[in-house]
Protein backbone atom coordinates (compact mmCIF):
# COMPACT_ATOMS: atom_id res chain seq x y z
CA MET A 1 6.58 8.69 3.57
CA ARG A 2 5.86 9.68 7.16
CA LEU A 3 6.56 7.31 10.02
CA LEU A 4 5.92 7.43 13.76
CA VAL A 5 8.64 6.12 16.07
CA VAL A 6 7.39 5.30 19.56
CA GLU A 7 10.36 4.56 21.84
CA ASP A 8 11.00 5.66 25.47
CA ASP A 9 14.78 5.09 25.42
CA PRO A 10 16.22 8.48 24.24
CA ALA A 11 19.38 6.97 22.75
CA MET A 12 17.45 4.31 20.82
CA SER A 13 14.84 6.83 19.66
CA ALA A 14 17.54 9.16 18.38
CA LEU A 15 19.28 6.34 16.57
CA LEU A 16 16.06 5.23 14.89
CA VAL A 17 15.08 8.74 13.87
CA ARG A 18 18.50 9.58 12.54
CA GLY A 19 18.71 6.37 10.49
CA LEU A 20 15.25 6.51 9.05
CA GLU A 21 15.58 10.21 8.09
CA ARG A 22 18.87 9.43 6.39
CA ILE A 23 17.09 7.07 3.99
CA GLY A 24 14.35 9.55 3.25
CA TYR A 25 11.50 9.04 5.69
CA VAL A 26 9.85 11.93 7.49
CA ILE A 27 9.75 11.00 11.16
CA ASP A 28 7.70 12.00 14.19
CA ALA A 29 8.88 10.52 17.51
CA VAL A 30 7.12 10.20 20.88
CA ASP A 31 8.03 8.21 24.00
CA ASN A 32 4.74 7.16 25.66
CA GLY A 33 1.40 5.52 24.97
CA PRO A 34 -0.88 8.56 25.27
CA ASP A 35 1.24 10.67 22.89
CA ALA A 36 1.49 7.72 20.49
CA LEU A 37 -2.30 7.36 20.30
CA TRP A 38 -2.80 11.11 19.92
CA SER A 39 -0.31 11.29 17.09
CA ILE A 40 -1.78 8.31 15.27
CA PHE A 41 -5.33 9.51 15.49
CA GLU A 42 -4.43 13.12 14.71
CA ASN A 43 -1.97 12.64 11.86
CA GLY A 44 -2.00 9.15 10.37
CA TYR A 45 1.22 7.54 9.16
CA ASP A 46 2.53 5.22 6.49
CA ALA A 47 3.86 2.96 9.29
CA VAL A 48 4.49 2.96 13.01
CA VAL A 49 7.65 1.59 14.70
CA LEU A 50 6.26 0.78 18.16
CA ASP A 51 8.24 -0.26 21.14
CA ALA A 52 6.25 -2.67 23.29
CA MET A 53 7.39 -1.52 26.75
CA ILE A 54 6.62 2.18 26.67
CA PRO A 55 4.90 4.08 29.58
CA PRO A 56 1.29 2.95 29.69
CA PRO A 57 -0.67 2.28 27.71
CA ASP A 58 2.07 -0.02 26.51
CA GLY A 59 2.77 -0.88 22.87
CA PHE A 60 0.44 -3.89 22.90
CA GLU A 61 -2.41 -1.75 24.12
CA VAL A 62 -1.62 1.08 21.75
CA CYS A 63 -1.80 -1.33 18.83
CA ARG A 64 -4.95 -2.92 20.09
CA ARG A 65 -6.68 0.51 20.44
CA MET A 66 -5.54 1.50 16.93
CA ARG A 67 -7.20 -1.55 15.42
CA ALA A 68 -10.30 -1.20 17.60
CA GLU A 69 -10.80 2.33 16.20
CA GLY A 70 -10.26 1.21 12.60
CA ARG A 71 -6.71 2.49 12.14
CA TRP A 72 -4.81 0.10 9.95
CA GLU A 73 -1.41 1.71 9.57
CA PRO A 74 1.27 -0.97 9.38
CA VAL A 75 2.83 -1.58 12.80
CA LEU A 76 6.26 -2.95 13.48
CA LEU A 77 6.36 -3.98 17.16
CA VAL A 78 9.84 -3.79 18.74
CA THR A 79 10.69 -5.35 22.10
CA ALA A 80 13.43 -6.90 24.18
CA ARG A 81 11.12 -9.77 25.23
CA ASP A 82 11.80 -12.94 23.25
CA ALA A 83 9.17 -15.25 24.84
CA VAL A 84 6.76 -16.79 22.37
CA PRO A 85 3.70 -15.65 24.39
CA ASP A 86 4.87 -12.05 24.03
CA ARG A 87 5.28 -12.41 20.28
CA VAL A 88 1.78 -13.93 20.04
CA ARG A 89 0.39 -11.20 22.20
CA GLY A 90 1.76 -8.55 19.92
CA LEU A 91 0.49 -10.22 16.76
CA ASP A 92 -2.88 -10.79 18.34
CA ALA A 93 -3.01 -7.07 19.19
CA GLY A 94 -2.83 -6.29 15.50
CA ALA A 95 0.89 -5.77 14.85
CA ASP A 96 2.02 -6.64 11.33
CA ASP A 97 5.47 -7.85 12.38
CA TYR A 98 7.57 -8.30 15.48
CA LEU A 99 11.26 -7.37 15.89
CA MET A 100 13.34 -8.34 18.91
CA LYS A 101 16.11 -6.22 20.37
CA PRO A 102 18.97 -6.06 19.75
CA PHE A 103 18.58 -5.77 15.94
CA THR A 104 20.50 -4.34 13.09
CA PHE A 105 19.18 -1.28 11.28
CA ALA A 106 19.31 -3.19 8.00
CA GLU A 107 16.83 -5.74 9.46
CA LEU A 108 14.54 -2.97 10.76
CA TYR A 109 14.53 -1.28 7.37
CA ALA A 110 13.86 -4.58 5.55
CA ARG A 111 10.88 -5.37 7.80
CA LEU A 112 9.54 -1.89 7.37
CA ARG A 113 9.72 -2.13 3.64
CA ALA A 114 7.97 -5.50 3.70
CA ILE A 115 5.00 -4.42 5.89
CA ILE A 116 4.50 -1.20 3.98
CA ARG A 117 4.59 -3.09 0.63
CA ARG A 118 2.18 -5.84 1.63
CA HIS A 119 -0.23 -3.87 3.79
CA PRO A 120 -3.71 -3.76 2.17
CA HIS A 121 -4.32 -0.16 3.26
CA ALA A 122 -0.84 1.18 2.28
CA ARG A 123 -0.50 3.94 -0.23
CA PRO A 124 0.13 3.00 -3.87
CA ALA A 125 3.44 1.20 -4.34
CA ILE A 126 4.50 3.39 -7.33
CA LEU A 127 3.45 6.98 -7.98
CA GLN A 128 3.37 8.07 -11.60
CA ILE A 129 2.76 11.49 -13.19
CA GLY A 130 3.26 11.32 -16.90
CA ASP A 131 6.64 9.66 -17.53
CA LEU A 132 7.87 10.45 -14.04
CA THR A 133 7.65 7.56 -11.54
CA LEU A 134 8.57 7.30 -7.89
CA ASP A 135 8.66 4.11 -5.82
CA PRO A 136 8.23 4.98 -2.09
CA VAL A 137 9.45 1.49 -1.03
CA SER A 138 12.61 1.08 -3.13
CA LYS A 139 13.30 4.88 -3.17
CA VAL A 140 13.77 4.81 -7.00
CA VAL A 141 12.78 7.75 -9.24
CA ARG A 142 12.76 7.48 -13.03
CA ARG A 143 11.94 9.84 -15.87
CA SER A 144 10.94 7.41 -18.63
CA ALA A 145 13.72 4.79 -18.48
CA THR A 146 16.30 7.10 -16.89
CA ARG A 147 16.93 6.65 -13.21
CA ILE A 148 17.35 9.89 -11.26
CA ALA A 149 19.58 10.07 -8.13
CA LEU A 150 18.01 12.21 -5.41
CA SER A 151 19.06 13.00 -1.87
CA PRO A 152 16.66 11.80 0.87
CA ARG A 153 15.28 15.34 1.31
CA GLU A 154 14.85 15.82 -2.43
CA PHE A 155 13.06 12.40 -2.63
CA ALA A 156 10.65 13.37 0.19
CA LEU A 157 9.94 16.68 -1.53
CA LEU A 158 9.17 15.05 -4.87
CA GLU A 159 6.98 12.48 -3.13
CA ALA A 160 4.99 15.33 -1.51
CA PHE A 161 4.42 16.91 -4.88
CA MET A 162 3.47 13.61 -6.57
CA ARG A 163 0.96 12.77 -3.93
CA ARG A 164 -0.84 16.00 -4.55
CA PRO A 165 -0.46 16.74 -8.34
CA GLY A 166 -1.82 19.99 -9.59
CA GLU A 167 -2.35 21.31 -6.06
CA LEU A 168 -0.76 24.59 -4.95
CA LEU A 169 1.48 23.78 -2.02
CA SER A 170 2.73 26.63 0.17
CA PRO A 171 6.15 26.52 1.81
CA ALA A 172 4.37 25.76 5.12
CA ASP A 173 2.61 22.76 3.50
CA LEU A 174 5.91 21.42 2.31
CA VAL A 175 7.65 22.00 5.65
CA ASP A 176 4.87 20.00 7.30
CA ASP A 177 5.26 17.11 4.80
CA VAL A 178 9.02 17.08 4.40
CA TRP A 179 10.91 19.06 7.01
CA ASP A 180 11.62 19.03 10.74
CA LEU A 181 10.62 22.60 11.53
CA ALA A 182 13.06 22.63 14.44
CA LEU A 183 16.00 22.09 12.13
CA ASP A 184 14.97 23.67 8.84
CA GLY A 185 12.52 26.27 7.79
CA PRO A 186 10.36 27.58 4.99
CA GLU A 187 13.26 29.65 3.61
CA LEU A 188 14.96 26.39 2.54
CA VAL A 189 11.98 25.19 0.54
CA GLY A 190 12.80 27.30 -2.51
CA THR A 191 16.35 26.10 -2.51
CA TYR A 192 15.35 22.45 -2.49
CA VAL A 193 12.70 23.01 -5.12
CA ARG A 194 15.46 24.40 -7.39
CA TYR A 195 17.64 21.37 -6.65
CA LEU A 196 14.76 19.14 -7.51
CA ARG A 197 13.94 20.90 -10.82
CA ASP A 198 17.64 20.70 -11.78
CA LYS A 199 17.39 16.90 -11.58
CA VAL A 200 13.85 15.89 -12.65
CA ASP A 201 12.94 18.62 -15.08
CA ARG A 202 15.75 20.58 -16.73
CA PRO A 203 17.89 17.62 -18.02
CA PHE A 204 14.70 16.37 -19.79
CA GLY A 205 13.46 19.71 -21.11
CA ARG A 206 10.44 19.66 -18.80
CA HIS A 207 8.87 22.33 -16.59
CA SER A 208 6.57 20.22 -14.40
CA ILE A 209 7.54 21.74 -11.02
CA GLU A 210 6.36 25.32 -10.99
CA ALA A 211 7.25 28.11 -8.65
CA LEU A 212 4.08 30.28 -8.51
CA THR A 213 5.50 33.24 -6.65
CA ASP A 214 2.38 35.42 -7.16
CA LEU A 215 0.27 32.72 -5.53
CA GLY A 216 2.83 31.99 -2.79
CA GLY A 217 3.53 28.38 -3.50
CA TYR A 218 4.67 25.54 -5.73
CA ARG A 219 2.85 23.02 -7.92
CA LEU A 220 3.59 19.86 -9.87
CA ASP A 221 1.76 20.28 -13.15
CA PRO A 222 0.57 16.83 -14.20
CA GLU A 223 0.15 18.00 -17.79
CA ALA A 224 3.63 19.43 -18.30
């Protein structure tokens, strides 16, 4: 899943990005209203963690403009203000939930899971290709009844494949879906694909994740 973090405090932003990436989300981060709106309208996200008091337009206005333009990504509005009128203002602007600073990361994660799970426009709760299932909310992968332990990066890679079954995905496609290009690169895609096949295919005698070197990409074969 891909999330947008909108936070103008560099330390808080880094903390949120690091924590959310550690549990398997792909994160984009911006620190002001114009960049937030551009990112939302250009990319689309599974959810947005939106600080209320960012450089204008502030988080309330960003959320209002999203809804006015028909963008219904779940929004978790974060703010240091604890006054009831501010909470009402955020919810009236279209936020799905409201979280006051300071907060624990466990609470943030729980609220994110809840708004993603209940949101009427969210992606399917569970992805299934044959006997392989992936739950984006609980981060659980199973082949038939067997639970498969994946690293956060392996989980994100499998999710990218399962959202586009049968489609040839280039290393660049997978970098865009799964990796932070500044930290990793296309040369690591093949390595992680091998890791993934060693966990979800080979122990079960399957060959669902294909490396199509002649075509320059990879594919999850839904018929395998």
